[in-house]
């Protein structure tokens, strides 16, 4: 909508000393001519804008001009507060509540403390998770390396990492940082980190690449899997991999196709369905899962 674009342009001009029309056109995905018309509309509305030509030219608000009214609507403020409440659910502190108080202290808008959206980022491990998050935040702020014991399918090892980002994704918390052992950026799941310590070593922050949290980047699909599930498992396939991951066959069974990163993850997931699934491809893994099932059966062959 045009009004949303005008508010967006004004917000940018209030935060940046000078911007160019091509930059605004690219950001709002409109033509430069449209941006020029928007600037004229803002001027007609009483916003004193000045346009300069040349290499260092651009669009700017005249020095000394102030906007008294907030550009944040009640609905937008509610969205901000919802996000802040979600962070308080795992932080173990009340810092975000204090920030909310600052944001709403002078609001003319009446903000209902109850929101129609509730986000709780905590987990069953909240008592262990909050101290980890606070320690990692401090290490990031102070550019200190972290060391911890890490447990992965490949085994246990002691890691030293330059921390850069805390990430909540796939219903879990992760640390994204530079691994000193691997000499590359890695993602570490907080639940798998034990004996987390902040070292005395400071580091000079690297110019790190933008975090790519796509599934293809973090969990590259190395195994193209085809399996048949019984109809009663439809709810799990929808919940865990989406309705696009399978097709319903004439007999009611579900033909599932998806890419998995490794055999361990695949087998653990398939076994959670018991006899309600049959792996079709990769064919070479059918023997492996049969051997695994036989080994499990041997453990339960006799009563204790």
Protein backbone atom coordinates (compact mmCIF):
# COMPACT_ATOMS: atom_id res chain seq x y z
CA UNK A 1 0.00 0.00 0.00
CA UNK A 2 1.13 3.53 -0.76
CA UNK A 3 0.62 4.80 2.80
CA UNK A 4 2.79 1.97 4.17
CA UNK A 5 5.53 2.88 1.68
CA UNK A 6 5.35 6.55 2.64
CA UNK A 7 5.67 5.71 6.33
CA UNK A 8 8.54 3.38 5.50
CA UNK A 9 10.39 6.06 3.53
CA UNK A 10 9.90 8.57 6.34
CA UNK A 11 11.18 6.06 8.91
CA UNK A 12 14.35 5.54 6.86
CA UNK A 13 14.88 9.28 6.46
CA UNK A 14 14.55 9.75 10.23
CA UNK A 15 17.23 7.13 10.87
CA UNK A 16 19.70 7.95 8.09
CA UNK A 17 21.23 11.30 7.28
CA UNK A 18 20.82 10.88 3.53
CA UNK A 19 19.49 8.25 1.14
CA UNK A 20 19.26 7.94 -2.63
CA UNK A 21 16.20 7.41 -4.77
CA UNK A 22 17.64 4.24 -6.39
CA UNK A 23 18.21 2.73 -2.93
CA UNK A 24 14.61 3.47 -1.91
CA UNK A 25 13.31 2.11 -5.21
CA UNK A 26 15.18 -1.15 -4.70
CA UNK A 27 14.11 -1.50 -1.08
CA UNK A 28 10.41 -0.94 -1.77
CA UNK A 29 10.49 -2.71 -5.16
CA UNK A 30 9.05 0.19 -7.14
CA UNK A 31 10.37 2.44 -9.89
CA UNK A 32 12.50 5.50 -9.27
CA UNK A 33 9.70 7.61 -10.73
CA UNK A 34 7.33 6.25 -8.06
CA UNK A 35 9.84 7.20 -5.34
CA UNK A 36 10.09 10.73 -6.76
CA UNK A 37 6.29 11.04 -6.59
CA UNK A 38 6.34 9.75 -3.01
CA UNK A 39 8.91 12.40 -2.06
CA UNK A 40 6.64 15.08 -3.54
CA UNK A 41 3.71 13.73 -1.49
CA UNK A 42 5.78 13.87 1.71
CA UNK A 43 6.78 17.47 0.96
CA UNK A 44 3.13 18.39 0.35
CA UNK A 45 2.30 16.81 3.72
CA UNK A 46 4.65 19.27 5.41
CA UNK A 47 7.80 17.15 5.76
CA UNK A 48 10.67 19.46 4.71
CA UNK A 49 12.81 17.32 2.41
CA UNK A 50 15.76 18.49 0.38
CA UNK A 51 17.25 16.77 -2.67
CA UNK A 52 20.84 17.35 -3.75
CA UNK A 53 22.50 16.27 -6.98
CA UNK A 54 25.99 14.95 -7.64
CA UNK A 55 28.18 12.14 -6.40
CA UNK A 56 27.33 12.70 -2.71
CA UNK A 57 23.77 13.76 -3.40
CA UNK A 58 20.59 12.26 -2.12
CA UNK A 59 17.38 12.88 -0.22
CA UNK A 60 17.41 14.19 3.36
CA UNK A 61 15.25 15.89 5.97
CA UNK A 62 16.23 19.51 6.58
CA UNK A 63 18.44 19.88 9.66
CA UNK A 64 16.58 20.79 12.83
CA UNK A 65 13.27 19.27 11.83
CA UNK A 66 11.72 16.88 14.34
CA UNK A 67 8.72 14.58 14.15
CA UNK A 68 6.77 14.74 17.39
CA UNK A 69 4.38 11.89 16.83
CA UNK A 70 5.49 8.28 16.90
CA UNK A 71 5.48 6.34 13.66
CA UNK A 72 4.68 3.12 15.52
CA UNK A 73 1.01 2.21 15.66
CA UNK A 74 -0.64 0.37 18.53
CA UNK A 75 -0.73 -2.86 16.49
CA UNK A 76 2.96 -2.54 15.61
CA UNK A 77 3.88 -1.85 19.24
CA UNK A 78 1.96 -4.95 20.31
CA UNK A 79 4.06 -6.99 17.87
CA UNK A 80 7.26 -5.53 19.36
CA UNK A 81 6.13 -6.31 22.91
CA UNK A 82 5.16 -9.86 21.96
CA UNK A 83 8.66 -10.43 20.63
CA UNK A 84 10.22 -9.02 23.80
CA UNK A 85 8.03 -11.20 26.01
CA UNK A 86 9.18 -14.25 24.07
CA UNK A 87 12.81 -13.42 24.88
CA UNK A 88 12.00 -13.06 28.58
CA UNK A 89 10.68 -16.63 28.52
CA UNK A 90 14.26 -17.94 28.20
CA UNK A 91 16.53 -15.14 29.39
CA UNK A 92 16.33 -15.85 33.10
CA UNK A 93 16.30 -12.08 33.71
CA UNK A 94 13.76 -9.25 33.53
CA UNK A 95 15.80 -7.09 31.15
CA UNK A 96 13.20 -7.32 28.40
CA UNK A 97 10.39 -6.37 30.78
CA UNK A 98 12.43 -3.30 31.71
CA UNK A 99 12.81 -2.49 28.02
CA UNK A 100 9.06 -2.86 27.53
CA UNK A 101 8.48 -0.41 30.37
CA UNK A 102 10.75 2.11 28.63
CA UNK A 103 8.96 1.67 25.32
CA UNK A 104 5.50 2.15 26.78
CA UNK A 105 6.23 4.72 29.49
CA UNK A 106 5.30 7.72 27.34
CA UNK A 107 2.99 6.07 24.83
CA UNK A 108 -0.21 8.01 24.22
CA UNK A 109 -1.70 4.79 22.90
CA UNK A 110 -3.22 2.47 25.48
CA UNK A 111 -1.46 -0.86 25.11
CA UNK A 112 -3.27 -3.87 26.46
CA UNK A 113 -0.85 -6.03 28.40
CA UNK A 114 -2.63 -9.08 27.03
CA UNK A 115 -1.74 -9.90 23.45
CA UNK A 116 -3.57 -12.11 20.99
CA UNK A 117 -0.24 -13.86 20.32
CA UNK A 118 1.87 -15.64 22.95
CA UNK A 119 5.36 -16.96 22.16
CA UNK A 120 7.12 -19.09 24.75
CA UNK A 121 10.67 -19.99 23.72
CA UNK A 122 11.45 -21.90 26.89
CA UNK A 123 11.70 -25.68 27.05
CA UNK A 124 11.81 -28.62 29.43
CA UNK A 125 15.44 -27.64 30.01
CA UNK A 126 14.68 -24.03 30.99
CA UNK A 127 16.70 -24.13 34.22
CA UNK A 128 19.80 -25.23 32.26
CA UNK A 129 19.06 -23.16 29.16
CA UNK A 130 18.73 -19.67 30.69
CA UNK A 131 22.24 -19.60 32.27
CA UNK A 132 23.77 -20.81 29.00
CA UNK A 133 22.05 -18.10 27.00
CA UNK A 134 23.12 -15.41 29.46
CA UNK A 135 26.75 -16.63 29.46
CA UNK A 136 26.84 -16.75 25.65
CA UNK A 137 25.33 -13.26 25.37
CA UNK A 138 28.05 -11.93 27.68
CA UNK A 139 30.78 -13.69 25.70
CA UNK A 140 29.46 -12.23 22.44
CA UNK A 141 29.32 -8.71 23.91
CA UNK A 142 32.85 -8.98 25.33
CA UNK A 143 34.35 -10.92 22.37
CA UNK A 144 35.53 -13.79 24.56
CA UNK A 145 36.01 -17.34 23.36
CA UNK A 146 33.84 -20.11 24.78
CA UNK A 147 34.86 -23.69 25.54
CA UNK A 148 32.48 -26.59 26.13
CA UNK A 149 32.04 -30.35 25.84
CA UNK A 150 29.92 -31.13 22.80
CA UNK A 151 27.96 -34.33 22.19
CA UNK A 152 27.10 -35.21 18.60
CA UNK A 153 26.45 -38.40 16.59
CA UNK A 154 30.20 -38.45 15.88
CA UNK A 155 31.07 -38.58 19.57
CA UNK A 156 32.15 -36.30 22.40
CA UNK A 157 34.78 -33.57 22.07
CA UNK A 158 35.96 -30.37 23.71
CA UNK A 159 35.31 -27.33 21.52
CA UNK A 160 36.67 -23.77 21.57
CA UNK A 161 34.51 -21.29 19.67
CA UNK A 162 34.36 -17.59 18.88
CA UNK A 163 30.65 -16.85 19.50
CA UNK A 164 28.77 -14.58 17.11
CA UNK A 165 25.03 -15.31 17.21
CA UNK A 166 22.36 -16.97 19.34
CA UNK A 167 19.76 -18.53 17.08
CA UNK A 168 16.33 -20.03 17.79
CA UNK A 169 15.40 -22.36 14.95
CA UNK A 170 13.74 -25.76 14.48
CA UNK A 171 12.26 -25.42 18.01
CA UNK A 172 15.73 -25.33 19.60
CA UNK A 173 18.45 -22.86 20.57
CA UNK A 174 21.81 -22.84 18.77
CA UNK A 175 25.12 -21.03 18.99
CA UNK A 176 26.61 -19.95 15.67
CA UNK A 177 30.31 -19.23 15.84
CA UNK A 178 33.79 -19.84 14.49
CA UNK A 179 35.22 -23.22 15.51
CA UNK A 180 38.93 -23.00 16.28
CA UNK A 181 39.34 -26.75 15.59
CA UNK A 182 37.50 -26.78 12.25
CA UNK A 183 38.66 -23.28 11.25
CA UNK A 184 35.18 -22.59 9.94
CA UNK A 185 31.74 -21.47 11.10
CA UNK A 186 29.61 -24.10 12.82
CA UNK A 187 26.20 -24.40 14.47
CA UNK A 188 26.08 -25.89 17.98
CA UNK A 189 22.90 -27.02 19.72
CA UNK A 190 22.75 -25.63 23.26
CA UNK A 191 21.22 -28.82 24.71
CA UNK A 192 24.31 -30.75 23.58
CA UNK A 193 26.75 -28.34 25.24
CA UNK A 194 27.98 -29.23 28.73
CA UNK A 195 30.59 -27.63 31.01
CA UNK A 196 30.22 -24.34 29.13
CA UNK A 197 32.86 -21.82 30.18
CA UNK A 198 33.89 -18.34 29.15
CA UNK A 199 37.66 -18.31 28.61
CA UNK A 200 40.03 -15.45 29.39
CA UNK A 201 40.92 -15.24 25.70
CA UNK A 202 39.54 -12.26 23.85
CA UNK A 203 39.29 -12.29 20.08
CA UNK A 204 39.03 -9.69 17.36
CA UNK A 205 35.62 -10.20 15.74
CA UNK A 206 35.89 -11.48 12.19
CA UNK A 207 33.99 -10.10 9.24
CA UNK A 208 31.74 -13.10 9.23
CA UNK A 209 29.34 -14.11 6.44
CA UNK A 210 25.60 -13.69 6.82
CA UNK A 211 24.04 -16.62 8.63
CA UNK A 212 22.26 -18.96 6.23
CA UNK A 213 19.69 -20.91 8.20
CA UNK A 214 18.13 -22.71 5.26
CA UNK A 215 17.59 -26.42 5.70
CA UNK A 216 19.62 -27.15 2.58
CA UNK A 217 22.64 -25.32 4.04
CA UNK A 218 22.51 -26.65 7.61
CA UNK A 219 21.12 -30.12 6.91
CA UNK A 220 22.12 -30.94 3.34
CA UNK A 221 19.95 -33.81 2.03
CA UNK A 222 22.49 -36.56 1.31
CA UNK A 223 19.98 -39.44 1.40
CA UNK A 224 16.91 -39.27 -0.83
CA UNK A 225 14.40 -41.38 1.08
CA UNK A 226 11.20 -43.07 -0.09
CA UNK A 227 9.01 -44.85 2.44
CA UNK A 228 5.41 -46.07 2.81
CA UNK A 229 3.48 -45.17 5.96
CA UNK A 230 0.22 -46.46 7.31
CA UNK A 231 -2.72 -43.99 7.12
CA UNK A 232 -2.81 -43.40 10.90
CA UNK A 233 0.64 -41.75 10.66
CA UNK A 234 -0.59 -38.92 8.44
CA UNK A 235 -0.73 -36.46 11.35
CA UNK A 236 2.96 -36.97 12.13
CA UNK A 237 4.07 -36.53 8.53
CA UNK A 238 2.04 -33.31 8.28
CA UNK A 239 3.41 -32.02 11.60
CA UNK A 240 7.06 -32.92 11.02
CA UNK A 241 7.60 -32.53 7.27
CA UNK A 242 4.48 -30.97 5.79
CA UNK A 243 1.67 -32.16 3.57
CA UNK A 244 3.89 -31.77 0.48
CA UNK A 245 6.19 -34.57 1.72
CA UNK A 246 3.82 -37.40 0.84
CA UNK A 247 1.02 -38.50 -1.47
CA UNK A 248 -1.93 -40.69 -0.59
CA UNK A 249 -2.11 -43.93 -2.58
CA UNK A 250 -5.27 -45.74 -3.67
CA UNK A 251 -5.09 -48.16 -0.73
CA UNK A 252 -4.85 -45.28 1.77
CA UNK A 253 -1.15 -45.69 2.54
CA UNK A 254 1.15 -42.68 2.33
CA UNK A 255 4.10 -42.55 -0.07
CA UNK A 256 6.70 -40.33 1.62
CA UNK A 257 9.69 -38.70 -0.12
CA UNK A 258 12.24 -36.50 1.62
CA UNK A 259 15.97 -35.84 1.92
CA UNK A 260 17.87 -36.75 5.11
CA UNK A 261 21.37 -35.74 6.17
CA UNK A 262 22.58 -39.02 7.66
CA UNK A 263 21.62 -42.62 8.33
CA UNK A 264 21.55 -42.25 12.12
CA UNK A 265 18.90 -39.52 12.02
CA UNK A 266 16.88 -41.43 9.43
CA UNK A 267 16.89 -44.74 11.33
CA UNK A 268 16.05 -43.10 14.65
CA UNK A 269 13.08 -41.37 13.04
CA UNK A 270 11.83 -44.46 11.17
CA UNK A 271 12.05 -46.68 14.27
CA UNK A 272 9.84 -44.23 16.17
CA UNK A 273 6.99 -45.37 13.87
CA UNK A 274 7.40 -49.03 14.77
CA UNK A 275 5.71 -51.29 12.21
CA UNK A 276 3.74 -48.42 10.65
CA UNK A 277 6.42 -47.68 8.05
CA UNK A 278 8.46 -49.52 5.44
CA UNK A 279 11.63 -48.03 3.94
CA UNK A 280 11.74 -48.48 0.15
CA UNK A 281 14.77 -46.40 -0.87
CA UNK A 282 17.72 -46.21 -0.62
CA UNK A 283 17.51 -49.95 -1.18
CA UNK A 284 20.98 -50.55 0.29
CA UNK A 285 19.73 -49.33 3.68
CA UNK A 286 16.93 -51.90 3.90
CA UNK A 287 19.41 -54.57 4.97
CA UNK A 288 20.95 -52.24 7.57
CA UNK A 289 17.61 -51.47 9.18
CA UNK A 290 16.66 -55.17 9.13
CA UNK A 291 19.89 -56.06 10.97
CA UNK A 292 19.22 -53.27 13.46
CA UNK A 293 15.67 -54.52 14.07
CA UNK A 294 16.99 -58.06 14.63
CA UNK A 295 19.52 -56.81 17.18
CA UNK A 296 16.75 -54.97 19.01
CA UNK A 297 14.60 -58.09 18.93
CA UNK A 298 17.35 -60.16 20.54
CA UNK A 299 17.42 -57.83 23.55
CA UNK A 300 13.74 -58.52 24.21
CA UNK A 301 13.72 -62.21 23.37
CA UNK A 302 13.66 -63.28 27.02
CA UNK A 303 11.86 -61.77 29.99
CA UNK A 304 14.02 -60.30 32.73
